[in-house]
Amino acid sequence: IFGGLVWILIASSLVPIPLIQGWVMFVDAAYQCVAALFYLSASVLEALATISMQDGFIYKHYRENIAAVVFSYVATLLYVVHAVFSLIRWKSS
């Protein structure tokens, strides 16, 4: 929510030095790209941990880990989508 507000306020503001506005938009886009990379690495590690616990664990715990993997990939997908849109907005400014 706050990231969206930042984009709206920056895009609608009249800044006397355009370089400042571009820098703020670049920092927001770079943050989203780094966050997407970190979420992807965490998702891969969670999936590997879940695969390795397939044998010898209680089925309930295994199902919980599968749910965690699915939602971590959903979160990763949303961060990637947001990062792509942030880069598109940054390049168009």
PDB file of N, CA and C in Angstrom:
ATOM      1  N   ILE A   1       0.833  -1.187   0.000  1.00  0.00           N
ATOM      2  CA  ILE A   1       0.000   0.000   0.000  1.00  0.00           C
ATOM      3  C   ILE A   1       0.875   1.247   0.000  1.00  0.00           C
ATOM      4  N   PHE A   2       1.885   1.262   0.892  1.00  0.00           N
ATOM      5  CA  PHE A   2       2.734   2.450   0.966  1.00  0.00           C
ATOM      6  C   PHE A   2       3.592   2.612  -0.281  1.00  0.00           C
ATOM      7  N   GLY A   3       4.025   1.485  -0.870  1.00  0.00           N
ATOM      8  CA  GLY A   3       4.785   1.569  -2.116  1.00  0.00           C
ATOM      9  C   GLY A   3       3.962   2.178  -3.236  1.00  0.00           C
ATOM     10  N   GLY A   4       2.677   1.789  -3.301  1.00  0.00           N
ATOM     11  CA  GLY A   4       1.790   2.371  -4.300  1.00  0.00           C
ATOM     12  C   GLY A   4       1.573   3.852  -4.085  1.00  0.00           C
ATOM     13  N   LEU A   5       1.424   4.243  -2.821  1.00  0.00           N
ATOM     14  CA  LEU A   5       1.281   5.671  -2.519  1.00  0.00           C
ATOM     15  C   LEU A   5       2.517   6.459  -2.909  1.00  0.00           C
ATOM     16  N   VAL A   6       3.695   5.870  -2.668  1.00  0.00           N
ATOM     17  CA  VAL A   6       4.939   6.546  -3.061  1.00  0.00           C
ATOM     18  C   VAL A   6       4.960   6.771  -4.564  1.00  0.00           C
ATOM     19  N   TRP A   7       4.620   5.719  -5.345  1.00  0.00           N
ATOM     20  CA  TRP A   7       4.619   5.857  -6.798  1.00  0.00           C
ATOM     21  C   TRP A   7       3.627   6.907  -7.260  1.00  0.00           C
ATOM     22  N   ILE A   8       2.442   6.909  -6.676  1.00  0.00           N
ATOM     23  CA  ILE A   8       1.422   7.886  -7.071  1.00  0.00           C
ATOM     24  C   ILE A   8       1.874   9.301  -6.756  1.00  0.00           C
ATOM     25  N   LEU A   9       2.403   9.503  -5.558  1.00  0.00           N
ATOM     26  CA  LEU A   9       2.837  10.841  -5.160  1.00  0.00           C
ATOM     27  C   LEU A   9       4.031  11.325  -5.963  1.00  0.00           C
ATOM     28  N   ILE A  10       4.968  10.437  -6.240  1.00  0.00           N
ATOM     29  CA  ILE A  10       6.143  10.842  -7.016  1.00  0.00           C
ATOM     30  C   ILE A  10       5.751  11.152  -8.453  1.00  0.00           C
ATOM     31  N   ALA A  11       4.921  10.296  -9.037  1.00  0.00           N
ATOM     32  CA  ALA A  11       4.535  10.496 -10.431  1.00  0.00           C
ATOM     33  C   ALA A  11       3.693  11.757 -10.622  1.00  0.00           C
ATOM     34  N   SER A  12       2.932  12.134  -9.604  1.00  0.00           N
ATOM     35  CA  SER A  12       2.061  13.301  -9.757  1.00  0.00           C
ATOM     36  C   SER A  12       2.700  14.593  -9.257  1.00  0.00           C
ATOM     37  N   SER A  13       3.864  14.506  -8.633  1.00  0.00           N
ATOM     38  CA  SER A  13       4.484  15.717  -8.094  1.00  0.00           C
ATOM     39  C   SER A  13       5.259  16.458  -9.176  1.00  0.00           C
ATOM     40  N   LEU A  14       5.391  17.737  -8.998  1.00  0.00           N
ATOM     41  CA  LEU A  14       6.180  18.573  -9.894  1.00  0.00           C
ATOM     42  C   LEU A  14       7.508  18.873  -9.203  1.00  0.00           C
ATOM     43  N   VAL A  15       8.545  18.204  -9.641  1.00  0.00           N
ATOM     44  CA  VAL A  15       9.866  18.343  -9.047  1.00  0.00           C
ATOM     45  C   VAL A  15      10.698  19.239  -9.958  1.00  0.00           C
ATOM     46  N   PRO A  16      11.344  20.275  -9.393  1.00  0.00           N
ATOM     47  CA  PRO A  16      12.113  21.175 -10.256  1.00  0.00           C
ATOM     48  C   PRO A  16      13.334  20.507 -10.891  1.00  0.00           C
ATOM     49  N   ILE A  17      13.876  19.474 -10.240  1.00  0.00           N
ATOM     50  CA  ILE A  17      15.038  18.765 -10.784  1.00  0.00           C
ATOM     51  C   ILE A  17      14.593  17.328 -11.090  1.00  0.00           C
ATOM     52  N   PRO A  18      14.371  16.974 -12.356  1.00  0.00           N
ATOM     53  CA  PRO A  18      13.848  15.652 -12.697  1.00  0.00           C
ATOM     54  C   PRO A  18      14.744  14.503 -12.245  1.00  0.00           C
ATOM     55  N   LEU A  19      16.055  14.764 -12.112  1.00  0.00           N
ATOM     56  CA  LEU A  19      16.976  13.712 -11.695  1.00  0.00           C
ATOM     57  C   LEU A  19      16.615  13.166 -10.312  1.00  0.00           C
ATOM     58  N   ILE A  20      16.156  14.026  -9.422  1.00  0.00           N
ATOM     59  CA  ILE A  20      15.782  13.600  -8.072  1.00  0.00           C
ATOM     60  C   ILE A  20      14.596  12.644  -8.141  1.00  0.00           C
ATOM     61  N   GLN A  21      13.607  12.990  -8.926  1.00  0.00           N
ATOM     62  CA  GLN A  21      12.426  12.137  -9.057  1.00  0.00           C
ATOM     63  C   GLN A  21      12.804  10.791  -9.681  1.00  0.00           C
ATOM     64  N   GLY A  22      13.657  10.798 -10.665  1.00  0.00           N
ATOM     65  CA  GLY A  22      14.111   9.553 -11.284  1.00  0.00           C
ATOM     66  C   GLY A  22      14.886   8.684 -10.315  1.00  0.00           C
ATOM     67  N   TRP A  23      15.713   9.320  -9.452  1.00  0.00           N
ATOM     68  CA  TRP A  23      16.488   8.560  -8.473  1.00  0.00           C
ATOM     69  C   TRP A  23      15.577   7.872  -7.466  1.00  0.00           C
ATOM     70  N   VAL A  24      14.564   8.566  -6.992  1.00  0.00           N
ATOM     71  CA  VAL A  24      13.632   7.965  -6.033  1.00  0.00           C
ATOM     72  C   VAL A  24      12.901   6.794  -6.670  1.00  0.00           C
ATOM     73  N   MET A  25      12.492   6.935  -7.923  1.00  0.00           N
ATOM     74  CA  MET A  25      11.797   5.844  -8.606  1.00  0.00           C
ATOM     75  C   MET A  25      12.747   4.676  -8.864  1.00  0.00           C
ATOM     76  N   PHE A  26      14.019   4.964  -9.155  1.00  0.00           N
ATOM     77  CA  PHE A  26      15.009   3.898  -9.348  1.00  0.00           C
ATOM     78  C   PHE A  26      15.224   3.116  -8.059  1.00  0.00           C
ATOM     79  N   VAL A  27      15.334   3.813  -6.934  1.00  0.00           N
ATOM     80  CA  VAL A  27      15.545   3.140  -5.648  1.00  0.00           C
ATOM     81  C   VAL A  27      14.364   2.226  -5.332  1.00  0.00           C
ATOM     82  N   ASP A  28      13.136   2.686  -5.567  1.00  0.00           N
ATOM     83  CA  ASP A  28      11.954   1.849  -5.308  1.00  0.00           C
ATOM     84  C   ASP A  28      11.949   0.613  -6.213  1.00  0.00           C
ATOM     85  N   ALA A  29      12.331   0.788  -7.504  1.00  0.00           N
ATOM     86  CA  ALA A  29      12.379  -0.343  -8.433  1.00  0.00           C
ATOM     87  C   ALA A  29      13.491  -1.320  -8.047  1.00  0.00           C
ATOM     88  N   ALA A  30      14.638  -0.805  -7.651  1.00  0.00           N
ATOM     89  CA  ALA A  30      15.751  -1.670  -7.246  1.00  0.00           C
ATOM     90  C   ALA A  30      15.387  -2.480  -6.004  1.00  0.00           C
ATOM     91  N   TYR A  31      14.675  -1.849  -5.069  1.00  0.00           N
ATOM     92  CA  TYR A  31      14.237  -2.554  -3.870  1.00  0.00           C
ATOM     93  C   TYR A  31      13.338  -3.731  -4.231  1.00  0.00           C
ATOM     94  N   GLN A  32      12.409  -3.523  -5.151  1.00  0.00           N
ATOM     95  CA  GLN A  32      11.489  -4.591  -5.542  1.00  0.00           C
ATOM     96  C   GLN A  32      12.239  -5.739  -6.221  1.00  0.00           C
ATOM     97  N   CYS A  33      13.244  -5.428  -7.015  1.00  0.00           N
ATOM     98  CA  CYS A  33      14.022  -6.475  -7.678  1.00  0.00           C
ATOM     99  C   CYS A  33      14.817  -7.296  -6.667  1.00  0.00           C
ATOM    100  N   VAL A  34      15.436  -6.633  -5.713  1.00  0.00           N
ATOM    101  CA  VAL A  34      16.194  -7.338  -4.673  1.00  0.00           C
ATOM    102  C   VAL A  34      15.259  -8.181  -3.809  1.00  0.00           C
ATOM    103  N   ALA A  35      14.110  -7.644  -3.453  1.00  0.00           N
ATOM    104  CA  ALA A  35      13.143  -8.399  -2.652  1.00  0.00           C
ATOM    105  C   ALA A  35      12.657  -9.629  -3.416  1.00  0.00           C
ATOM    106  N   ALA A  36      12.414  -9.496  -4.704  1.00  0.00           N
ATOM    107  CA  ALA A  36      11.985 -10.643  -5.513  1.00  0.00           C
ATOM    108  C   ALA A  36      13.067 -11.717  -5.542  1.00  0.00           C
ATOM    109  N   LEU A  37      14.320 -11.313  -5.659  1.00  0.00           N
ATOM    110  CA  LEU A  37      15.429 -12.271  -5.655  1.00  0.00           C
ATOM    111  C   LEU A  37      15.524 -13.002  -4.318  1.00  0.00           C
ATOM    112  N   PHE A  38      15.383 -12.275  -3.221  1.00  0.00           N
ATOM    113  CA  PHE A  38      15.440 -12.907  -1.895  1.00  0.00           C
ATOM    114  C   PHE A  38      14.269 -13.859  -1.681  1.00  0.00           C
ATOM    115  N   TYR A  39      13.075 -13.466  -2.107  1.00  0.00           N
ATOM    116  CA  TYR A  39      11.919 -14.354  -1.974  1.00  0.00           C
ATOM    117  C   TYR A  39      12.099 -15.605  -2.829  1.00  0.00           C
ATOM    118  N   LEU A  40      12.668 -15.472  -4.011  1.00  0.00           N
ATOM    119  CA  LEU A  40      12.897 -16.632  -4.863  1.00  0.00           C
ATOM    120  C   LEU A  40      13.880 -17.594  -4.213  1.00  0.00           C
ATOM    121  N   SER A  41      14.961 -17.079  -3.660  1.00  0.00           N
ATOM    122  CA  SER A  41      15.933 -17.964  -3.009  1.00  0.00           C
ATOM    123  C   SER A  41      15.328 -18.652  -1.791  1.00  0.00           C
ATOM    124  N   ALA A  42      14.511 -17.939  -1.017  1.00  0.00           N
ATOM    125  CA  ALA A  42      13.858 -18.559   0.138  1.00  0.00           C
ATOM    126  C   ALA A  42      12.852 -19.616  -0.299  1.00  0.00           C
ATOM    127  N   SER A  43      12.158 -19.375  -1.392  1.00  0.00           N
ATOM    128  CA  SER A  43      11.183 -20.349  -1.894  1.00  0.00           C
ATOM    129  C   SER A  43      11.863 -21.624  -2.364  1.00  0.00           C
ATOM    130  N   VAL A  44      12.977 -21.477  -3.049  1.00  0.00           N
ATOM    131  CA  VAL A  44      13.712 -22.651  -3.526  1.00  0.00           C
ATOM    132  C   VAL A  44      14.224 -23.464  -2.342  1.00  0.00           C
ATOM    133  N   LEU A  45      14.770 -22.793  -1.335  1.00  0.00           N
ATOM    134  CA  LEU A  45      15.264 -23.510  -0.159  1.00  0.00           C
ATOM    135  C   LEU A  45      14.133 -24.209   0.590  1.00  0.00           C
ATOM    136  N   GLU A  46      12.988 -23.574   0.683  1.00  0.00           N
ATOM    137  CA  GLU A  46      11.832 -24.198   1.346  1.00  0.00           C
ATOM    138  C   GLU A  46      11.371 -25.419   0.562  1.00  0.00           C
ATOM    139  N   ALA A  47      11.368 -25.338  -0.759  1.00  0.00           N
ATOM    140  CA  ALA A  47      10.976 -26.486  -1.579  1.00  0.00           C
ATOM    141  C   ALA A  47      11.961 -27.641  -1.415  1.00  0.00           C
ATOM    142  N   LEU A  48      13.255 -27.329  -1.375  1.00  0.00           N
ATOM    143  CA  LEU A  48      14.252 -28.384  -1.172  1.00  0.00           C
ATOM    144  C   LEU A  48      14.109 -29.031   0.198  1.00  0.00           C
ATOM    145  N   ALA A  49      13.850 -28.234   1.213  1.00  0.00           N
ATOM    146  CA  ALA A  49      13.656 -28.789   2.556  1.00  0.00           C
ATOM    147  C   ALA A  49      12.419 -29.675   2.601  1.00  0.00           C
ATOM    148  N   THR A  50      11.373 -29.288   1.910  1.00  0.00           N
ATOM    149  CA  THR A  50      10.144 -30.083   1.883  1.00  0.00           C
ATOM    150  C   THR A  50      10.362 -31.392   1.142  1.00  0.00           C
ATOM    151  N   ILE A  51      11.081 -31.347   0.042  1.00  0.00           N
ATOM    152  CA  ILE A  51      11.362 -32.579  -0.700  1.00  0.00           C
ATOM    153  C   ILE A  51      12.190 -33.537   0.141  1.00  0.00           C
ATOM    154  N   SER A  52      13.158 -33.002   0.887  1.00  0.00           N
ATOM    155  CA  SER A  52      14.022 -33.866   1.685  1.00  0.00           C
ATOM    156  C   SER A  52      13.310 -34.474   2.889  1.00  0.00           C
ATOM    157  N   MET A  53      12.207 -33.882   3.332  1.00  0.00           N
ATOM    158  CA  MET A  53      11.497 -34.419   4.499  1.00  0.00           C
ATOM    159  C   MET A  53      10.342 -35.329   4.095  1.00  0.00           C
ATOM    160  N   GLN A  54      10.312 -35.751   2.852  1.00  0.00           N
ATOM    161  CA  GLN A  54       9.210 -36.564   2.357  1.00  0.00           C
ATOM    162  C   GLN A  54       9.095 -37.879   3.126  1.00  0.00           C
ATOM    163  N   ASP A  55      10.198 -38.491   3.466  1.00  0.00           N
ATOM    164  CA  ASP A  55      10.181 -39.757   4.194  1.00  0.00           C
ATOM    165  C   ASP A  55      10.526 -39.521   5.663  1.00  0.00           C
ATOM    166  N   GLY A  56       9.774 -40.151   6.545  1.00  0.00           N
ATOM    167  CA  GLY A  56      10.100 -40.127   7.955  1.00  0.00           C
ATOM    168  C   GLY A  56       9.455 -39.016   8.762  1.00  0.00           C
ATOM    169  N   PHE A  57       8.609 -38.213   8.175  1.00  0.00           N
ATOM    170  CA  PHE A  57       7.947 -37.140   8.913  1.00  0.00           C
ATOM    171  C   PHE A  57       6.444 -37.387   8.950  1.00  0.00           C
ATOM    172  N   ILE A  58       5.806 -36.777   9.897  1.00  0.00           N
ATOM    173  CA  ILE A  58       4.359 -36.886  10.012  1.00  0.00           C
ATOM    174  C   ILE A  58       3.729 -36.224   8.793  1.00  0.00           C
ATOM    175  N   TYR A  59       2.706 -36.871   8.249  1.00  0.00           N
ATOM    176  CA  TYR A  59       2.061 -36.382   7.029  1.00  0.00           C
ATOM    177  C   TYR A  59       1.507 -34.975   7.212  1.00  0.00           C
ATOM    178  N   LYS A  60       1.028 -34.656   8.411  1.00  0.00           N
ATOM    179  CA  LYS A  60       0.491 -33.315   8.668  1.00  0.00           C
ATOM    180  C   LYS A  60       1.584 -32.263   8.506  1.00  0.00           C
ATOM    181  N   HIS A  61       2.766 -32.528   9.031  1.00  0.00           N
ATOM    182  CA  HIS A  61       3.871 -31.564   8.901  1.00  0.00           C
ATOM    183  C   HIS A  61       4.315 -31.429   7.451  1.00  0.00           C
ATOM    184  N   TYR A  62       4.292 -32.549   6.736  1.00  0.00           N
ATOM    185  CA  TYR A  62       4.658 -32.513   5.319  1.00  0.00           C
ATOM    186  C   TYR A  62       3.660 -31.667   4.527  1.00  0.00           C
ATOM    187  N   ARG A  63       2.375 -31.818   4.797  1.00  0.00           N
ATOM    188  CA  ARG A  63       1.347 -31.009   4.120  1.00  0.00           C
ATOM    189  C   ARG A  63       1.498 -29.534   4.457  1.00  0.00           C
ATOM    190  N   GLU A  64       1.839 -29.218   5.715  1.00  0.00           N
ATOM    191  CA  GLU A  64       2.045 -27.815   6.096  1.00  0.00           C
ATOM    192  C   GLU A  64       3.216 -27.219   5.328  1.00  0.00           C
ATOM    193  N   ASN A  65       4.264 -28.005   5.151  1.00  0.00           N
ATOM    194  CA  ASN A  65       5.406 -27.504   4.392  1.00  0.00           C
ATOM    195  C   ASN A  65       5.057 -27.326   2.915  1.00  0.00           C
ATOM    196  N   ILE A  66       4.233 -28.218   2.375  1.00  0.00           N
ATOM    197  CA  ILE A  66       3.797 -28.054   0.986  1.00  0.00           C
ATOM    198  C   ILE A  66       3.009 -26.757   0.833  1.00  0.00           C
ATOM    199  N   ALA A  67       2.132 -26.473   1.798  1.00  0.00           N
ATOM    200  CA  ALA A  67       1.377 -25.217   1.759  1.00  0.00           C
ATOM    201  C   ALA A  67       2.313 -24.018   1.850  1.00  0.00           C
ATOM    202  N   ALA A  68       3.342 -24.127   2.697  1.00  0.00           N
ATOM    203  CA  ALA A  68       4.316 -23.033   2.818  1.00  0.00           C
ATOM    204  C   ALA A  68       5.050 -22.811   1.500  1.00  0.00           C
ATOM    205  N   VAL A  69       5.393 -23.893   0.818  1.00  0.00           N
ATOM    206  CA  VAL A  69       6.078 -23.776  -0.478  1.00  0.00           C
ATOM    207  C   VAL A  69       5.172 -23.095  -1.503  1.00  0.00           C
ATOM    208  N   VAL A  70       3.926 -23.526  -1.556  1.00  0.00           N
ATOM    209  CA  VAL A  70       2.994 -22.939  -2.531  1.00  0.00           C
ATOM    210  C   VAL A  70       2.827 -21.446  -2.274  1.00  0.00           C
ATOM    211  N   PHE A  71       2.599 -21.058  -1.027  1.00  0.00           N
ATOM    212  CA  PHE A  71       2.400 -19.644  -0.739  1.00  0.00           C
ATOM    213  C   PHE A  71       3.686 -18.835  -0.884  1.00  0.00           C
ATOM    214  N   SER A  72       4.835 -19.447  -0.643  1.00  0.00           N
ATOM    215  CA  SER A  72       6.083 -18.707  -0.852  1.00  0.00           C
ATOM    216  C   SER A  72       6.307 -18.432  -2.336  1.00  0.00           C
ATOM    217  N   TYR A  73       5.916 -19.389  -3.191  1.00  0.00           N
ATOM    218  CA  TYR A  73       6.028 -19.132  -4.631  1.00  0.00           C
ATOM    219  C   TYR A  73       5.000 -18.117  -5.107  1.00  0.00           C
ATOM    220  N   VAL A  74       3.827 -18.103  -4.514  1.00  0.00           N
ATOM    221  CA  VAL A  74       2.835 -17.076  -4.851  1.00  0.00           C
ATOM    222  C   VAL A  74       3.367 -15.690  -4.465  1.00  0.00           C
ATOM    223  N   ALA A  75       3.941 -15.591  -3.251  1.00  0.00           N
ATOM    224  CA  ALA A  75       4.521 -14.314  -2.814  1.00  0.00           C
ATOM    225  C   ALA A  75       5.671 -13.901  -3.729  1.00  0.00           C
ATOM    226  N   THR A  76       6.494 -14.873  -4.127  1.00  0.00           N
ATOM    227  CA  THR A  76       7.596 -14.581  -5.046  1.00  0.00           C
ATOM    228  C   THR A  76       7.065 -14.072  -6.380  1.00  0.00           C
ATOM    229  N   LEU A  77       6.027 -14.721  -6.893  1.00  0.00           N
ATOM    230  CA  LEU A  77       5.434 -14.286  -8.156  1.00  0.00           C
ATOM    231  C   LEU A  77       4.909 -12.858  -8.061  1.00  0.00           C
ATOM    232  N   LEU A  78       4.263 -12.537  -6.955  1.00  0.00           N
ATOM    233  CA  LEU A  78       3.741 -11.179  -6.788  1.00  0.00           C
ATOM    234  C   LEU A  78       4.868 -10.156  -6.699  1.00  0.00           C
ATOM    235  N   TYR A  79       5.972 -10.505  -6.005  1.00  0.00           N
ATOM    236  CA  TYR A  79       7.111  -9.583  -5.953  1.00  0.00           C
ATOM    237  C   TYR A  79       7.736  -9.408  -7.333  1.00  0.00           C
ATOM    238  N   VAL A  80       7.834 -10.482  -8.098  1.00  0.00           N
ATOM    239  CA  VAL A  80       8.407 -10.378  -9.444  1.00  0.00           C
ATOM    240  C   VAL A  80       7.531  -9.499 -10.330  1.00  0.00           C
ATOM    241  N   VAL A  81       6.214  -9.712 -10.269  1.00  0.00           N
ATOM    242  CA  VAL A  81       5.291  -8.889 -11.056  1.00  0.00           C
ATOM    243  C   VAL A  81       5.421  -7.422 -10.660  1.00  0.00           C
ATOM    244  N   HIS A  82       5.484  -7.163  -9.362  1.00  0.00           N
ATOM    245  CA  HIS A  82       5.614  -5.784  -8.897  1.00  0.00           C
ATOM    246  C   HIS A  82       6.952  -5.187  -9.323  1.00  0.00           C
ATOM    247  N   ALA A  83       8.014  -6.005  -9.287  1.00  0.00           N
ATOM    248  CA  ALA A  83       9.326  -5.517  -9.720  1.00  0.00           C
ATOM    249  C   ALA A  83       9.321  -5.180 -11.204  1.00  0.00           C
ATOM    250  N   VAL A  84       8.675  -6.009 -12.009  1.00  0.00           N
ATOM    251  CA  VAL A  84       8.612  -5.747 -13.455  1.00  0.00           C
ATOM    252  C   VAL A  84       7.840  -4.454 -13.730  1.00  0.00           C
ATOM    253  N   PHE A  85       6.705  -4.297 -13.065  1.00  0.00           N
ATOM    254  CA  PHE A  85       5.938  -3.057 -13.258  1.00  0.00           C
ATOM    255  C   PHE A  85       6.698  -1.841 -12.738  1.00  0.00           C
ATOM    256  N   SER A  86       7.459  -2.011 -11.662  1.00  0.00           N
ATOM    257  CA  SER A  86       8.264  -0.898 -11.148  1.00  0.00           C
ATOM    258  C   SER A  86       9.336  -0.503 -12.148  1.00  0.00           C
ATOM    259  N   LEU A  87       9.970  -1.499 -12.772  1.00  0.00           N
ATOM    260  CA  LEU A  87      10.987  -1.184 -13.782  1.00  0.00           C
ATOM    261  C   LEU A  87      10.368  -0.520 -15.002  1.00  0.00           C
ATOM    262  N   ILE A  88       9.203  -0.976 -15.408  1.00  0.00           N
ATOM    263  CA  ILE A  88       8.525  -0.354 -16.550  1.00  0.00           C
ATOM    264  C   ILE A  88       8.195   1.099 -16.253  1.00  0.00           C
ATOM    265  N   ARG A  89       7.677   1.345 -15.045  1.00  0.00           N
ATOM    266  CA  ARG A  89       7.350   2.733 -14.675  1.00  0.00           C
ATOM    267  C   ARG A  89       8.600   3.589 -14.583  1.00  0.00           C
ATOM    268  N   TRP A  90       9.697   2.989 -14.052  1.00  0.00           N
ATOM    269  CA  TRP A  90      10.929   3.756 -13.907  1.00  0.00           C
ATOM    270  C   TRP A  90      11.483   4.119 -15.285  1.00  0.00           C
ATOM    271  N   LYS A  91      11.463   3.186 -16.230  1.00  0.00           N
ATOM    272  CA  LYS A  91      11.991   3.475 -17.561  1.00  0.00           C
ATOM    273  C   LYS A  91      11.125   4.453 -18.335  1.00  0.00           C
ATOM    274  N   SER A  92       9.831   4.480 -18.020  1.00  0.00           N
ATOM    275  CA  SER A  92       8.962   5.395 -18.747  1.00  0.00           C
ATOM    276  C   SER A  92       8.966   6.797 -18.155  1.00  0.00           C
ATOM    277  N   SER A  93       9.618   6.978 -17.011  1.00  0.00           N
ATOM    278  CA  SER A  93       9.646   8.326 -16.410  1.00  0.00           C
ATOM    279  C   SER A  93      10.774   9.173 -16.944  1.00  0.00           C
TER     280      SER A  93
END
